[in-house]
């Protein structure tokens, strides 16, 4: 179970990095300084 959780986290991080170019501005606008932690909630 732990391995699957780690893979899910890695996948989420990769997806975030892929989207960063065109969505980081919106995420920062909506969540401010909490973007790094709260954006996990959307997934």
N, C-alpha and C. Protein backbone atom coordinates (compact mmCIF):
# COMPACT_ATOMS: atom_id res chain seq x y z
N UNK A 1 0.84 -1.20 0.00
CA UNK A 1 0.00 0.00 0.00
C UNK A 1 0.87 1.25 0.00
N UNK A 2 1.95 1.21 0.75
CA UNK A 2 2.80 2.39 0.82
C UNK A 2 3.39 2.72 -0.55
N UNK A 3 3.77 1.68 -1.29
CA UNK A 3 4.36 1.92 -2.61
C UNK A 3 3.36 2.61 -3.53
N UNK A 4 2.11 2.18 -3.48
CA UNK A 4 1.08 2.79 -4.33
C UNK A 4 0.88 4.26 -3.95
N UNK A 5 0.93 4.54 -2.65
CA UNK A 5 0.78 5.92 -2.21
C UNK A 5 1.93 6.77 -2.74
N UNK A 6 3.15 6.23 -2.66
CA UNK A 6 4.30 6.98 -3.15
C UNK A 6 4.18 7.24 -4.65
N UNK A 7 3.74 6.24 -5.39
CA UNK A 7 3.57 6.41 -6.84
C UNK A 7 2.52 7.47 -7.13
N UNK A 8 1.44 7.47 -6.36
CA UNK A 8 0.39 8.47 -6.57
C UNK A 8 0.93 9.87 -6.32
N UNK A 9 1.75 10.02 -5.28
CA UNK A 9 2.33 11.33 -4.97
C UNK A 9 3.26 11.76 -6.10
N UNK A 10 4.10 10.84 -6.55
CA UNK A 10 5.03 11.17 -7.63
C UNK A 10 4.26 11.56 -8.89
N UNK A 11 3.21 10.82 -9.19
CA UNK A 11 2.40 11.14 -10.38
C UNK A 11 1.80 12.52 -10.26
N UNK A 12 1.30 12.85 -9.07
CA UNK A 12 0.72 14.17 -8.86
C UNK A 12 1.76 15.26 -9.05
N UNK A 13 2.95 15.04 -8.52
CA UNK A 13 4.03 16.02 -8.66
C UNK A 13 4.38 16.21 -10.13
N UNK A 14 4.48 15.11 -10.86
CA UNK A 14 4.81 15.20 -12.29
C UNK A 14 3.73 15.97 -13.04
N UNK A 15 2.47 15.70 -12.70
CA UNK A 15 1.37 16.41 -13.36
C UNK A 15 1.43 17.90 -13.03
N UNK A 16 1.72 18.21 -11.77
CA UNK A 16 1.82 19.62 -11.38
C UNK A 16 2.93 20.31 -12.16
N UNK A 17 4.07 19.64 -12.30
CA UNK A 17 5.19 20.23 -13.03
C UNK A 17 4.82 20.44 -14.49
N UNK A 18 4.07 19.50 -15.06
CA UNK A 18 3.68 19.62 -16.46
C UNK A 18 2.72 20.78 -16.67
N UNK A 19 1.89 21.04 -15.68
CA UNK A 19 0.89 22.10 -15.78
C UNK A 19 1.44 23.45 -15.34
N UNK A 20 2.61 23.44 -14.73
CA UNK A 20 3.13 24.64 -14.08
C UNK A 20 3.23 25.82 -15.04
N UNK A 21 3.63 25.54 -16.27
CA UNK A 21 3.87 26.61 -17.23
C UNK A 21 2.64 27.47 -17.48
N UNK A 22 1.47 26.86 -17.55
CA UNK A 22 0.28 27.63 -17.90
C UNK A 22 -0.73 27.79 -16.78
N UNK A 23 -0.51 27.15 -15.64
CA UNK A 23 -1.50 27.25 -14.57
C UNK A 23 -0.92 27.82 -13.27
N UNK A 24 0.39 27.96 -13.17
CA UNK A 24 0.98 28.42 -11.91
C UNK A 24 0.47 29.81 -11.54
N UNK A 25 0.28 30.66 -12.53
CA UNK A 25 -0.20 32.01 -12.25
C UNK A 25 -1.59 31.97 -11.61
N UNK A 26 -2.46 31.12 -12.15
CA UNK A 26 -3.81 31.02 -11.60
C UNK A 26 -3.79 30.41 -10.20
N UNK A 27 -2.96 29.38 -10.01
CA UNK A 27 -2.87 28.74 -8.69
C UNK A 27 -2.37 29.75 -7.66
N UNK A 28 -1.35 30.51 -8.02
CA UNK A 28 -0.80 31.49 -7.09
C UNK A 28 -1.83 32.57 -6.79
N UNK A 29 -2.61 32.94 -7.78
CA UNK A 29 -3.64 33.97 -7.58
C UNK A 29 -4.72 33.47 -6.63
N UNK A 30 -5.13 32.21 -6.80
CA UNK A 30 -6.23 31.67 -6.01
C UNK A 30 -5.81 31.29 -4.60
N UNK A 31 -4.60 30.77 -4.45
CA UNK A 31 -4.20 30.21 -3.16
C UNK A 31 -3.10 30.99 -2.47
N UNK A 32 -2.50 31.94 -3.18
CA UNK A 32 -1.45 32.73 -2.57
C UNK A 32 -0.27 31.89 -2.14
N UNK A 33 0.24 32.13 -0.93
CA UNK A 33 1.44 31.44 -0.46
C UNK A 33 1.17 29.98 -0.12
N UNK A 34 -0.09 29.57 -0.06
CA UNK A 34 -0.43 28.20 0.30
C UNK A 34 -0.53 27.29 -0.92
N UNK A 35 -0.15 27.78 -2.09
CA UNK A 35 -0.33 27.01 -3.32
C UNK A 35 0.38 25.66 -3.24
N UNK A 36 1.59 25.63 -2.69
CA UNK A 36 2.37 24.39 -2.69
C UNK A 36 1.69 23.29 -1.89
N UNK A 37 0.95 23.66 -0.86
CA UNK A 37 0.32 22.63 -0.03
C UNK A 37 -1.13 22.40 -0.43
N UNK A 38 -1.86 23.46 -0.74
CA UNK A 38 -3.30 23.31 -0.96
C UNK A 38 -3.64 22.78 -2.34
N UNK A 39 -2.72 22.90 -3.29
CA UNK A 39 -3.05 22.42 -4.63
C UNK A 39 -3.18 20.90 -4.65
N UNK A 40 -2.67 20.22 -3.62
CA UNK A 40 -2.82 18.76 -3.54
C UNK A 40 -4.29 18.38 -3.34
N UNK A 41 -5.05 19.29 -2.72
CA UNK A 41 -6.45 18.99 -2.40
C UNK A 41 -7.24 18.75 -3.68
N UNK A 42 -6.90 19.45 -4.75
CA UNK A 42 -7.67 19.35 -5.99
C UNK A 42 -7.49 18.00 -6.67
N UNK A 43 -6.53 17.20 -6.20
CA UNK A 43 -6.31 15.90 -6.82
C UNK A 43 -6.65 14.79 -5.84
